[in-house]
Every structure is written in structure tokens, then in C-alpha cells.
N, C-alpha and C. Protein backbone atom coordinates (compact mmCIF):
# COMPACT_ATOMS: atom_id res chain seq x y z
N MET A 1 0.84 -1.19 0.00
CA MET A 1 0.00 0.00 0.00
C MET A 1 0.88 1.24 0.00
N THR A 2 0.62 2.17 -0.90
CA THR A 2 1.41 3.40 -0.94
C THR A 2 0.91 4.39 0.10
N SER A 3 1.81 5.20 0.60
CA SER A 3 1.46 6.18 1.63
C SER A 3 0.85 7.42 0.98
N ARG A 4 -0.24 7.92 1.60
CA ARG A 4 -0.88 9.15 1.12
C ARG A 4 -0.70 10.21 2.19
N GLU A 5 -0.14 11.36 1.83
CA GLU A 5 0.05 12.44 2.77
C GLU A 5 -1.28 13.12 3.02
N VAL A 6 -1.62 13.33 4.28
CA VAL A 6 -2.90 13.94 4.60
C VAL A 6 -2.76 14.80 5.85
N VAL A 7 -3.43 15.94 5.85
CA VAL A 7 -3.45 16.81 7.02
C VAL A 7 -4.61 16.36 7.92
N LEU A 8 -4.33 16.19 9.19
CA LEU A 8 -5.38 15.90 10.17
C LEU A 8 -5.85 17.24 10.72
N ALA A 9 -7.04 17.66 10.30
CA ALA A 9 -7.52 19.02 10.56
C ALA A 9 -8.18 19.13 11.93
N THR A 10 -7.34 19.07 12.96
CA THR A 10 -7.82 19.30 14.32
C THR A 10 -6.66 19.81 15.17
N GLY A 11 -7.01 20.65 16.13
CA GLY A 11 -6.02 21.10 17.09
C GLY A 11 -6.14 20.35 18.40
N ASN A 12 -7.11 19.44 18.48
CA ASN A 12 -7.37 18.69 19.70
C ASN A 12 -6.38 17.53 19.79
N GLN A 13 -5.47 17.61 20.76
CA GLN A 13 -4.41 16.60 20.86
C GLN A 13 -4.95 15.21 21.22
N GLY A 14 -6.07 15.16 21.92
CA GLY A 14 -6.71 13.87 22.21
C GLY A 14 -7.16 13.18 20.93
N LYS A 15 -7.75 13.96 20.02
CA LYS A 15 -8.20 13.41 18.74
C LYS A 15 -7.00 12.99 17.89
N VAL A 16 -5.95 13.82 17.89
CA VAL A 16 -4.74 13.47 17.13
C VAL A 16 -4.20 12.13 17.59
N ALA A 17 -4.09 11.96 18.91
CA ALA A 17 -3.55 10.71 19.45
C ALA A 17 -4.42 9.52 19.08
N GLU A 18 -5.75 9.69 19.14
CA GLU A 18 -6.66 8.59 18.82
C GLU A 18 -6.62 8.21 17.34
N MET A 19 -6.45 9.20 16.48
CA MET A 19 -6.61 8.96 15.05
C MET A 19 -5.31 8.68 14.29
N GLN A 20 -4.21 9.25 14.77
CA GLN A 20 -2.97 9.19 14.00
C GLN A 20 -2.52 7.75 13.72
N THR A 21 -2.49 6.93 14.75
CA THR A 21 -2.03 5.55 14.58
C THR A 21 -2.93 4.76 13.65
N THR A 22 -4.25 4.91 13.86
CA THR A 22 -5.20 4.18 13.02
C THR A 22 -5.08 4.58 11.56
N LEU A 23 -4.98 5.87 11.30
CA LEU A 23 -4.87 6.34 9.92
C LEU A 23 -3.57 5.86 9.28
N ALA A 24 -2.49 5.84 10.06
CA ALA A 24 -1.21 5.35 9.54
C ALA A 24 -1.30 3.88 9.16
N GLU A 25 -2.09 3.13 9.92
CA GLU A 25 -2.25 1.69 9.66
C GLU A 25 -2.85 1.43 8.28
N PHE A 26 -3.69 2.34 7.79
CA PHE A 26 -4.21 2.10 6.46
C PHE A 26 -3.74 3.09 5.41
N GLY A 27 -2.42 3.41 5.51
CA GLY A 27 -1.72 4.01 4.40
C GLY A 27 -1.61 5.52 4.36
N PHE A 28 -1.95 6.20 5.46
CA PHE A 28 -1.81 7.65 5.46
C PHE A 28 -0.55 8.08 6.20
N GLU A 29 0.15 9.03 5.61
CA GLU A 29 1.20 9.71 6.34
C GLU A 29 0.53 10.95 6.93
N VAL A 30 0.25 10.90 8.22
CA VAL A 30 -0.59 11.91 8.87
C VAL A 30 0.25 13.07 9.39
N ILE A 31 -0.13 14.27 9.00
CA ILE A 31 0.53 15.48 9.48
C ILE A 31 -0.49 16.30 10.26
N PRO A 32 -0.33 16.43 11.58
CA PRO A 32 -1.29 17.23 12.35
C PRO A 32 -1.30 18.69 11.89
N GLN A 33 -2.47 19.28 11.91
CA GLN A 33 -2.66 20.66 11.45
C GLN A 33 -1.72 21.65 12.14
N ASN A 34 -1.45 21.43 13.43
CA ASN A 34 -0.64 22.41 14.17
C ASN A 34 0.79 22.52 13.65
N GLN A 35 1.22 21.57 12.83
CA GLN A 35 2.57 21.67 12.26
C GLN A 35 2.65 22.73 11.16
N PHE A 36 1.51 23.22 10.70
CA PHE A 36 1.50 24.21 9.62
C PHE A 36 1.33 25.64 10.14
N GLY A 37 0.86 25.78 11.36
CA GLY A 37 0.78 27.10 11.97
C GLY A 37 -0.30 28.03 11.44
N PHE A 38 -1.41 27.48 10.94
CA PHE A 38 -2.51 28.36 10.51
C PHE A 38 -3.65 28.32 11.52
N GLU A 39 -4.49 29.33 11.45
CA GLU A 39 -5.62 29.44 12.37
C GLU A 39 -6.65 28.34 12.09
N ASP A 40 -7.36 27.92 13.13
CA ASP A 40 -8.43 26.93 12.95
C ASP A 40 -9.55 27.51 12.09
N ALA A 41 -10.28 26.63 11.44
CA ALA A 41 -11.45 27.05 10.67
C ALA A 41 -12.52 27.58 11.60
N VAL A 42 -13.35 28.48 11.10
CA VAL A 42 -14.50 28.97 11.87
C VAL A 42 -15.58 27.90 11.80
N GLU A 43 -15.99 27.40 12.97
CA GLU A 43 -17.00 26.34 13.03
C GLU A 43 -18.37 26.96 13.25
N ASP A 44 -18.95 27.49 12.18
CA ASP A 44 -20.25 28.14 12.30
C ASP A 44 -21.34 27.35 11.57
N GLY A 45 -21.07 26.10 11.27
CA GLY A 45 -22.09 25.24 10.66
C GLY A 45 -23.16 24.87 11.68
N LEU A 46 -24.25 24.31 11.19
CA LEU A 46 -25.36 23.93 12.07
C LEU A 46 -25.42 22.42 12.31
N SER A 47 -24.41 21.70 11.84
CA SER A 47 -24.37 20.25 12.05
C SER A 47 -22.93 19.79 12.11
N PHE A 48 -22.73 18.56 12.62
CA PHE A 48 -21.40 17.97 12.63
C PHE A 48 -20.85 17.87 11.21
N VAL A 49 -21.70 17.52 10.26
CA VAL A 49 -21.27 17.36 8.87
C VAL A 49 -20.76 18.69 8.31
N GLU A 50 -21.54 19.76 8.50
CA GLU A 50 -21.12 21.07 7.99
C GLU A 50 -19.79 21.50 8.58
N ASN A 51 -19.64 21.34 9.88
CA ASN A 51 -18.40 21.78 10.53
C ASN A 51 -17.20 20.94 10.09
N ALA A 52 -17.39 19.64 9.93
CA ALA A 52 -16.29 18.79 9.48
C ALA A 52 -15.86 19.17 8.07
N ILE A 53 -16.83 19.45 7.19
CA ILE A 53 -16.50 19.88 5.83
C ILE A 53 -15.74 21.21 5.85
N LYS A 54 -16.20 22.15 6.67
CA LYS A 54 -15.51 23.44 6.77
C LYS A 54 -14.06 23.26 7.22
N LYS A 55 -13.85 22.39 8.20
CA LYS A 55 -12.49 22.17 8.71
C LYS A 55 -11.60 21.50 7.67
N ALA A 56 -12.15 20.49 6.99
CA ALA A 56 -11.36 19.79 5.96
C ALA A 56 -11.01 20.74 4.81
N ARG A 57 -12.00 21.50 4.34
CA ARG A 57 -11.76 22.42 3.22
C ARG A 57 -10.71 23.47 3.60
N HIS A 58 -10.82 24.00 4.81
CA HIS A 58 -9.89 25.01 5.29
C HIS A 58 -8.46 24.45 5.32
N ALA A 59 -8.31 23.23 5.80
CA ALA A 59 -6.98 22.60 5.86
C ALA A 59 -6.42 22.38 4.46
N CYS A 60 -7.27 21.96 3.53
CA CYS A 60 -6.83 21.79 2.14
C CYS A 60 -6.37 23.13 1.56
N GLN A 61 -7.15 24.18 1.79
CA GLN A 61 -6.81 25.51 1.26
C GLN A 61 -5.48 26.01 1.81
N GLN A 62 -5.26 25.75 3.10
CA GLN A 62 -4.06 26.27 3.76
C GLN A 62 -2.80 25.49 3.39
N THR A 63 -2.93 24.21 3.05
CA THR A 63 -1.76 23.35 2.86
C THR A 63 -1.57 22.82 1.44
N GLY A 64 -2.64 22.81 0.65
CA GLY A 64 -2.56 22.20 -0.67
C GLY A 64 -2.57 20.68 -0.64
N LEU A 65 -2.79 20.12 0.53
CA LEU A 65 -2.81 18.65 0.70
C LEU A 65 -4.24 18.16 0.91
N ALA A 66 -4.42 16.86 0.78
CA ALA A 66 -5.69 16.24 1.18
C ALA A 66 -5.84 16.42 2.69
N ALA A 67 -7.08 16.37 3.17
CA ALA A 67 -7.31 16.57 4.61
C ALA A 67 -8.39 15.64 5.13
N ILE A 68 -8.23 15.29 6.39
CA ILE A 68 -9.26 14.56 7.13
C ILE A 68 -9.63 15.42 8.32
N ALA A 69 -10.92 15.69 8.46
CA ALA A 69 -11.41 16.48 9.59
C ALA A 69 -12.45 15.70 10.35
N ASP A 70 -12.50 15.96 11.63
CA ASP A 70 -13.45 15.31 12.51
C ASP A 70 -14.28 16.40 13.18
N ASP A 71 -15.58 16.20 13.25
CA ASP A 71 -16.38 17.02 14.14
C ASP A 71 -17.20 16.06 14.97
N SER A 72 -17.16 16.26 16.25
CA SER A 72 -17.81 15.30 17.14
C SER A 72 -18.30 15.99 18.39
N GLY A 73 -19.14 15.28 19.11
CA GLY A 73 -19.68 15.83 20.34
C GLY A 73 -20.63 14.85 20.98
N ILE A 74 -21.29 15.31 22.01
CA ILE A 74 -22.19 14.44 22.76
C ILE A 74 -23.60 15.02 22.70
N GLU A 75 -24.57 14.13 22.51
CA GLU A 75 -25.98 14.52 22.46
C GLU A 75 -26.70 13.89 23.64
N VAL A 76 -27.41 14.69 24.38
CA VAL A 76 -28.16 14.21 25.55
C VAL A 76 -29.65 14.34 25.25
N ASP A 77 -30.36 13.22 25.32
CA ASP A 77 -31.77 13.22 24.94
C ASP A 77 -32.61 14.17 25.79
N ALA A 78 -32.36 14.20 27.09
CA ALA A 78 -33.16 15.05 27.98
C ALA A 78 -32.93 16.54 27.72
N LEU A 79 -31.85 16.87 27.01
CA LEU A 79 -31.53 18.26 26.68
C LEU A 79 -31.76 18.55 25.19
N ASP A 80 -32.63 17.74 24.56
CA ASP A 80 -32.95 17.91 23.14
C ASP A 80 -31.71 17.88 22.25
N GLY A 81 -30.77 17.01 22.61
CA GLY A 81 -29.57 16.83 21.80
C GLY A 81 -28.41 17.74 22.16
N ALA A 82 -28.59 18.66 23.10
CA ALA A 82 -27.48 19.51 23.55
C ALA A 82 -26.50 18.66 24.37
N PRO A 83 -25.25 19.07 24.45
CA PRO A 83 -24.63 20.23 23.81
C PRO A 83 -24.34 20.07 22.31
N GLY A 84 -24.39 18.86 21.77
CA GLY A 84 -24.28 18.65 20.33
C GLY A 84 -23.05 19.29 19.71
N ILE A 85 -23.26 20.10 18.66
CA ILE A 85 -22.12 20.70 17.95
C ILE A 85 -21.37 21.70 18.82
N TYR A 86 -21.95 22.08 19.95
CA TYR A 86 -21.28 23.04 20.85
C TYR A 86 -20.55 22.34 21.99
N SER A 87 -20.38 21.02 21.90
CA SER A 87 -19.81 20.24 23.00
C SER A 87 -18.47 20.77 23.49
N ALA A 88 -17.56 21.08 22.58
CA ALA A 88 -16.21 21.52 22.98
C ALA A 88 -16.22 22.88 23.66
N ARG A 89 -17.22 23.70 23.34
CA ARG A 89 -17.28 25.05 23.92
C ARG A 89 -18.54 25.26 24.76
N TYR A 90 -19.04 24.19 25.31
CA TYR A 90 -20.28 24.22 26.10
C TYR A 90 -20.17 25.17 27.29
N ALA A 91 -19.01 25.17 27.95
CA ALA A 91 -18.80 26.05 29.11
C ALA A 91 -17.94 27.25 28.71
N ASP A 92 -18.24 27.83 27.55
CA ASP A 92 -17.58 29.04 27.07
C ASP A 92 -16.07 28.91 26.97
N GLY A 93 -15.61 27.74 26.49
CA GLY A 93 -14.18 27.55 26.25
C GLY A 93 -13.32 27.37 27.48
N GLN A 94 -13.94 27.00 28.60
CA GLN A 94 -13.18 26.84 29.84
C GLN A 94 -12.57 25.44 30.01
N GLY A 95 -12.79 24.56 29.04
CA GLY A 95 -12.13 23.26 29.09
C GLY A 95 -13.04 22.11 29.47
N ASP A 96 -12.45 20.90 29.39
CA ASP A 96 -13.21 19.67 29.59
C ASP A 96 -13.89 19.59 30.96
N ALA A 97 -13.15 19.90 32.03
CA ALA A 97 -13.71 19.78 33.38
C ALA A 97 -14.93 20.69 33.55
N ALA A 98 -14.83 21.91 33.03
CA ALA A 98 -15.94 22.86 33.12
C ALA A 98 -17.13 22.38 32.29
N ASN A 99 -16.86 21.83 31.11
CA ASN A 99 -17.94 21.28 30.28
C ASN A 99 -18.67 20.16 31.01
N ASN A 100 -17.91 19.28 31.64
CA ASN A 100 -18.50 18.16 32.39
C ASN A 100 -19.36 18.66 33.55
N GLN A 101 -18.84 19.64 34.29
CA GLN A 101 -19.59 20.18 35.43
C GLN A 101 -20.89 20.85 34.98
N LYS A 102 -20.82 21.59 33.87
CA LYS A 102 -22.02 22.26 33.36
C LYS A 102 -23.07 21.23 32.94
N LEU A 103 -22.63 20.15 32.29
CA LEU A 103 -23.57 19.12 31.85
C LEU A 103 -24.19 18.40 33.05
N LEU A 104 -23.38 18.07 34.04
CA LEU A 104 -23.92 17.44 35.25
C LEU A 104 -24.93 18.36 35.93
N ALA A 105 -24.64 19.64 35.98
CA ALA A 105 -25.57 20.60 36.60
C ALA A 105 -26.87 20.69 35.81
N ALA A 106 -26.78 20.64 34.48
CA ALA A 106 -27.98 20.71 33.63
C ALA A 106 -28.88 19.50 33.83
N LEU A 107 -28.28 18.38 34.24
CA LEU A 107 -29.05 17.14 34.43
C LEU A 107 -29.37 16.87 35.90
N ASP A 108 -29.10 17.83 36.76
CA ASP A 108 -29.40 17.64 38.18
C ASP A 108 -30.88 17.33 38.38
N GLY A 109 -31.15 16.21 39.01
CA GLY A 109 -32.53 15.79 39.26
C GLY A 109 -33.21 15.10 38.09
N VAL A 110 -32.50 14.93 36.98
CA VAL A 110 -33.06 14.28 35.79
C VAL A 110 -32.70 12.80 35.81
N GLU A 111 -33.72 11.94 35.69
CA GLU A 111 -33.48 10.50 35.71
C GLU A 111 -33.18 9.94 34.33
N GLN A 112 -33.82 10.47 33.31
CA GLN A 112 -33.62 9.99 31.93
C GLN A 112 -32.33 10.59 31.41
N ARG A 113 -31.24 9.79 31.38
CA ARG A 113 -29.92 10.34 31.10
C ARG A 113 -29.26 9.72 29.86
N SER A 114 -30.09 9.15 28.96
CA SER A 114 -29.53 8.53 27.75
C SER A 114 -28.81 9.58 26.91
N ALA A 115 -27.72 9.15 26.30
CA ALA A 115 -26.88 10.07 25.51
C ALA A 115 -26.07 9.26 24.52
N ARG A 116 -25.46 9.96 23.59
CA ARG A 116 -24.55 9.30 22.66
C ARG A 116 -23.50 10.28 22.20
N TYR A 117 -22.34 9.71 21.96
CA TYR A 117 -21.29 10.45 21.27
C TYR A 117 -21.55 10.32 19.77
N GLN A 118 -21.32 11.40 19.03
CA GLN A 118 -21.40 11.38 17.57
C GLN A 118 -20.07 11.82 17.00
N CYS A 119 -19.67 11.21 15.89
CA CYS A 119 -18.46 11.63 15.19
C CYS A 119 -18.73 11.62 13.69
N VAL A 120 -18.38 12.70 13.03
CA VAL A 120 -18.41 12.76 11.57
C VAL A 120 -16.98 13.01 11.10
N LEU A 121 -16.50 12.15 10.22
CA LEU A 121 -15.19 12.32 9.60
C LEU A 121 -15.40 12.69 8.14
N VAL A 122 -14.63 13.64 7.67
CA VAL A 122 -14.69 14.04 6.26
C VAL A 122 -13.29 13.95 5.67
N TYR A 123 -13.20 13.32 4.51
CA TYR A 123 -11.94 13.25 3.77
C TYR A 123 -12.12 14.01 2.47
N MET A 124 -11.25 15.00 2.25
CA MET A 124 -11.29 15.79 1.01
C MET A 124 -9.94 15.71 0.32
N LEU A 125 -9.95 15.45 -0.98
CA LEU A 125 -8.72 15.38 -1.77
C LEU A 125 -8.10 16.77 -1.96
N HIS A 126 -8.97 17.77 -2.10
CA HIS A 126 -8.54 19.15 -2.31
C HIS A 126 -9.69 20.07 -1.91
N ALA A 127 -9.41 21.36 -1.83
CA ALA A 127 -10.40 22.31 -1.32
C ALA A 127 -11.68 22.35 -2.14
N ASN A 128 -11.60 22.02 -3.43
CA ASN A 128 -12.79 22.06 -4.28
C ASN A 128 -13.37 20.68 -4.56
N ASP A 129 -13.00 19.72 -3.75
CA ASP A 129 -13.49 18.34 -3.92
C ASP A 129 -15.02 18.34 -3.89
N PRO A 130 -15.69 17.97 -5.01
CA PRO A 130 -17.15 18.01 -5.03
C PRO A 130 -17.80 16.80 -4.37
N THR A 131 -17.01 15.77 -4.07
CA THR A 131 -17.57 14.56 -3.47
C THR A 131 -16.71 14.10 -2.30
N PRO A 132 -16.67 14.88 -1.22
CA PRO A 132 -15.88 14.45 -0.07
C PRO A 132 -16.47 13.16 0.52
N LEU A 133 -15.59 12.33 1.07
CA LEU A 133 -16.07 11.15 1.78
C LEU A 133 -16.56 11.59 3.15
N ILE A 134 -17.76 11.16 3.51
CA ILE A 134 -18.35 11.50 4.81
C ILE A 134 -18.68 10.21 5.54
N CYS A 135 -18.09 10.04 6.71
CA CYS A 135 -18.31 8.83 7.52
C CYS A 135 -18.81 9.25 8.90
N GLN A 136 -19.72 8.45 9.44
CA GLN A 136 -20.33 8.81 10.72
C GLN A 136 -20.37 7.61 11.65
N GLY A 137 -20.07 7.85 12.92
CA GLY A 137 -20.16 6.80 13.93
C GLY A 137 -20.80 7.35 15.19
N SER A 138 -21.55 6.51 15.89
CA SER A 138 -22.13 6.94 17.17
C SER A 138 -21.85 5.87 18.23
N TRP A 139 -21.90 6.31 19.48
CA TRP A 139 -21.59 5.45 20.62
C TRP A 139 -22.65 5.72 21.68
N GLU A 140 -23.54 4.76 21.85
CA GLU A 140 -24.66 4.93 22.79
C GLU A 140 -24.22 4.72 24.24
N GLY A 141 -24.82 5.48 25.12
CA GLY A 141 -24.53 5.34 26.55
C GLY A 141 -25.46 6.23 27.35
N SER A 142 -24.98 6.70 28.48
CA SER A 142 -25.76 7.61 29.32
C SER A 142 -24.81 8.50 30.09
N ILE A 143 -25.37 9.55 30.68
CA ILE A 143 -24.56 10.47 31.48
C ILE A 143 -24.63 10.00 32.93
N ALA A 144 -23.47 9.73 33.49
CA ALA A 144 -23.37 9.28 34.88
C ALA A 144 -23.69 10.44 35.83
N TYR A 145 -23.73 10.13 37.12
CA TYR A 145 -24.03 11.16 38.11
C TYR A 145 -22.77 11.86 38.62
N GLN A 146 -21.62 11.26 38.34
CA GLN A 146 -20.36 11.88 38.75
C GLN A 146 -19.24 11.40 37.84
N ALA A 147 -18.15 12.14 37.84
CA ALA A 147 -17.00 11.80 36.99
C ALA A 147 -16.22 10.64 37.59
N LYS A 148 -15.65 9.81 36.69
CA LYS A 148 -14.86 8.67 37.14
C LYS A 148 -13.92 8.24 36.02
N GLY A 149 -12.68 7.87 36.38
CA GLY A 149 -11.72 7.36 35.41
C GLY A 149 -10.63 8.36 35.06
N GLN A 150 -9.53 7.84 34.55
CA GLN A 150 -8.34 8.65 34.28
C GLN A 150 -7.96 8.72 32.80
N HIS A 151 -8.65 7.98 31.94
CA HIS A 151 -8.28 7.94 30.53
C HIS A 151 -9.18 8.85 29.70
N GLY A 152 -8.81 8.99 28.42
CA GLY A 152 -9.67 9.71 27.48
C GLY A 152 -9.62 11.21 27.67
N PHE A 153 -10.63 11.87 27.13
CA PHE A 153 -10.72 13.33 27.17
C PHE A 153 -12.17 13.71 26.94
N GLY A 154 -12.45 15.01 26.91
CA GLY A 154 -13.82 15.46 26.67
C GLY A 154 -14.77 15.02 27.78
N TYR A 155 -15.88 14.40 27.37
CA TYR A 155 -16.91 13.99 28.32
C TYR A 155 -16.71 12.55 28.82
N ASP A 156 -15.57 11.94 28.49
CA ASP A 156 -15.33 10.55 28.88
C ASP A 156 -15.52 10.27 30.37
N PRO A 157 -15.12 11.18 31.28
CA PRO A 157 -15.30 10.88 32.70
C PRO A 157 -16.76 10.74 33.14
N ILE A 158 -17.71 11.36 32.39
CA ILE A 158 -19.12 11.27 32.81
C ILE A 158 -19.98 10.47 31.82
N PHE A 159 -19.35 9.92 30.77
CA PHE A 159 -20.09 9.12 29.80
C PHE A 159 -20.02 7.66 30.22
N TYR A 160 -21.19 7.10 30.52
CA TYR A 160 -21.25 5.70 30.97
C TYR A 160 -21.48 4.80 29.77
N CYS A 161 -20.54 3.88 29.58
CA CYS A 161 -20.58 2.94 28.46
C CYS A 161 -21.33 1.68 28.91
N ILE A 162 -22.53 1.51 28.41
CA ILE A 162 -23.40 0.42 28.85
C ILE A 162 -22.78 -0.94 28.51
N ALA A 163 -22.21 -1.06 27.32
CA ALA A 163 -21.65 -2.35 26.88
C ALA A 163 -20.53 -2.84 27.80
N HIS A 164 -19.73 -1.91 28.34
CA HIS A 164 -18.62 -2.30 29.22
C HIS A 164 -18.91 -2.06 30.70
N GLN A 165 -20.11 -1.53 31.00
CA GLN A 165 -20.51 -1.29 32.39
C GLN A 165 -19.48 -0.45 33.15
N CYS A 166 -19.02 0.62 32.50
CA CYS A 166 -18.07 1.52 33.15
C CYS A 166 -18.08 2.88 32.44
N HIS A 167 -17.42 3.84 33.04
CA HIS A 167 -17.28 5.15 32.41
C HIS A 167 -16.28 5.05 31.27
N ALA A 168 -16.45 5.86 30.23
CA ALA A 168 -15.53 5.83 29.09
C ALA A 168 -14.10 6.12 29.54
N ALA A 169 -13.94 6.97 30.54
CA ALA A 169 -12.59 7.31 31.03
C ALA A 169 -11.95 6.17 31.81
N GLU A 170 -12.71 5.10 32.09
CA GLU A 170 -12.13 3.92 32.74
C GLU A 170 -11.63 2.89 31.74
N LEU A 171 -11.97 3.07 30.46
CA LEU A 171 -11.52 2.15 29.43
C LEU A 171 -10.06 2.43 29.08
N ASP A 172 -9.30 1.36 28.88
CA ASP A 172 -7.95 1.53 28.36
C ASP A 172 -8.06 2.10 26.95
N PRO A 173 -7.04 2.86 26.50
CA PRO A 173 -7.10 3.44 25.16
C PRO A 173 -7.36 2.39 24.07
N TRP A 174 -6.81 1.20 24.18
CA TRP A 174 -7.02 0.18 23.15
C TRP A 174 -8.47 -0.30 23.15
N GLN A 175 -9.13 -0.31 24.34
CA GLN A 175 -10.54 -0.70 24.41
C GLN A 175 -11.40 0.37 23.75
N LYS A 176 -11.12 1.62 24.08
CA LYS A 176 -11.90 2.72 23.51
C LYS A 176 -11.75 2.74 21.99
N LYS A 177 -10.54 2.45 21.53
CA LYS A 177 -10.25 2.47 20.10
C LYS A 177 -11.11 1.47 19.33
N SER A 178 -11.64 0.48 20.02
CA SER A 178 -12.44 -0.54 19.32
C SER A 178 -13.95 -0.28 19.40
N VAL A 179 -14.39 0.60 20.32
CA VAL A 179 -15.84 0.77 20.51
C VAL A 179 -16.37 2.19 20.33
N SER A 180 -15.50 3.16 20.27
CA SER A 180 -15.96 4.56 20.30
C SER A 180 -16.59 5.00 18.99
N HIS A 181 -17.26 6.13 19.05
CA HIS A 181 -17.86 6.78 17.89
C HIS A 181 -16.80 7.07 16.83
N ARG A 182 -15.62 7.54 17.28
CA ARG A 182 -14.55 7.86 16.34
C ARG A 182 -14.00 6.59 15.69
N ALA A 183 -13.89 5.52 16.49
CA ALA A 183 -13.42 4.23 15.95
C ALA A 183 -14.37 3.73 14.86
N LYS A 184 -15.67 3.90 15.08
CA LYS A 184 -16.66 3.44 14.09
C LYS A 184 -16.58 4.27 12.80
N ALA A 185 -16.40 5.59 12.94
CA ALA A 185 -16.27 6.44 11.76
C ALA A 185 -14.97 6.12 11.01
N LEU A 186 -13.90 5.88 11.75
CA LEU A 186 -12.63 5.51 11.12
C LEU A 186 -12.73 4.18 10.38
N ALA A 187 -13.48 3.24 10.96
CA ALA A 187 -13.66 1.93 10.30
C ALA A 187 -14.41 2.11 8.98
N GLN A 188 -15.40 3.01 8.96
CA GLN A 188 -16.11 3.31 7.71
C GLN A 188 -15.17 3.91 6.68
N LEU A 189 -14.32 4.84 7.13
CA LEU A 189 -13.37 5.47 6.23
C LEU A 189 -12.42 4.41 5.64
N LYS A 190 -11.94 3.55 6.51
CA LYS A 190 -11.04 2.48 6.05
C LYS A 190 -11.72 1.61 5.00
N SER A 191 -12.96 1.27 5.22
CA SER A 191 -13.68 0.41 4.27
C SER A 191 -13.85 1.10 2.93
N GLN A 192 -14.00 2.42 2.94
CA GLN A 192 -14.11 3.18 1.68
C GLN A 192 -12.83 3.08 0.86
N PHE A 193 -11.70 3.10 1.56
CA PHE A 193 -10.42 3.03 0.85
C PHE A 193 -10.08 1.61 0.40
N GLU A 194 -10.79 0.64 0.95
CA GLU A 194 -10.54 -0.76 0.55
C GLU A 194 -11.42 -1.19 -0.59
N LEU A 195 -12.36 -0.34 -1.04
CA LEU A 195 -13.27 -0.69 -2.15
C LEU A 195 -12.51 -0.84 -3.46
């Protein structure tokens, strides 16, 4: 398999760590966006798909290379799908711990706590690619009542994984890599390249 150079259009180091190895396994020479020193794309889309396309296109424009972008977040049924596309900036950009605390506060006294992680991956050959590859994965679970675990990032400490009967942050990275929303989207992307 020949290596394809691709920009990973994210500044989130957790996402870079999760995706870089997997992408390398199926023939990509992955270059994280931060190695190019350009500003992040403006994420003003109304869906994960729109934002992922904006990020991929922006990375292509800035580098002249193909790009893979991820937009992901958590949807809580009791909050009508919030925080959704605003997951990373739910607590006004104060970071993961603040986002988790705000979400727990929003669900105080709420018994129906079903939720899911969503991930949309977009692969674009160039900025004007009329047919970008779009892959989507979801990970069903619920919002726990308190944070637990030392692994992962984002909402992992309060996301309860029903299949493993533990918080996402309690899963070893190799376990998460096989069950997460991002893992499912990456598997779809891999299957597209194997066609």
C-alpha cells in the first residue's frame, strides 16, 4: 500500500492521538494541522457534517494537501440533543472539566440520562473536492451522576458505556479504540479506501 500524505484538521491533541495511529495503519502519512501554523477554521455550521467539511476544506486551502477532519460531540436526549455541535465550547471555552460540570448541573434531578457520542469524519482530496467522503459513527450510553476514570478526554469521565458497564474514562485506550464513535467512523473510512 502506498502512503498518502494527509493533514489531520484538528487542534485537539486527544483526537490526534486517537486517530494518527489508526490512519497510519491504512496508508496515510498523517501530518497534524498544528505543524503548519494556521488558524483553525471557523466552526459556524449547524451540524457535525457542515463543521467537518468546513475544517477539511480550510486545511486543504491552507496546505494544498488532502485533509481529514473530525467534528464530534455528545448529544443528551433530555436536553434535546445539547450540547451537540457546541460540546467543545459548552462552558464558554473553559475546558473539559468545566464542560462536564455544566452538563452534570444541567441534568441535576433528571433521571432519563440517555446520551450518545457522535463523530463525523470528512476526507477531502482538495479544497474544491465536489464529493468528499463523509463517515459517521455513534456510541450509545448515558450520562453518569459523577465523573470517574483517568483515561480519554472530553466527556469521557461522565459518559457511561453500557456495553462495558463503566465510564468511558475507565476504558484503556485500546478498548476505547475498538468501541468509540470515532473508531466506528474511522472503520467506515477504512472500508471506503478498501473498495
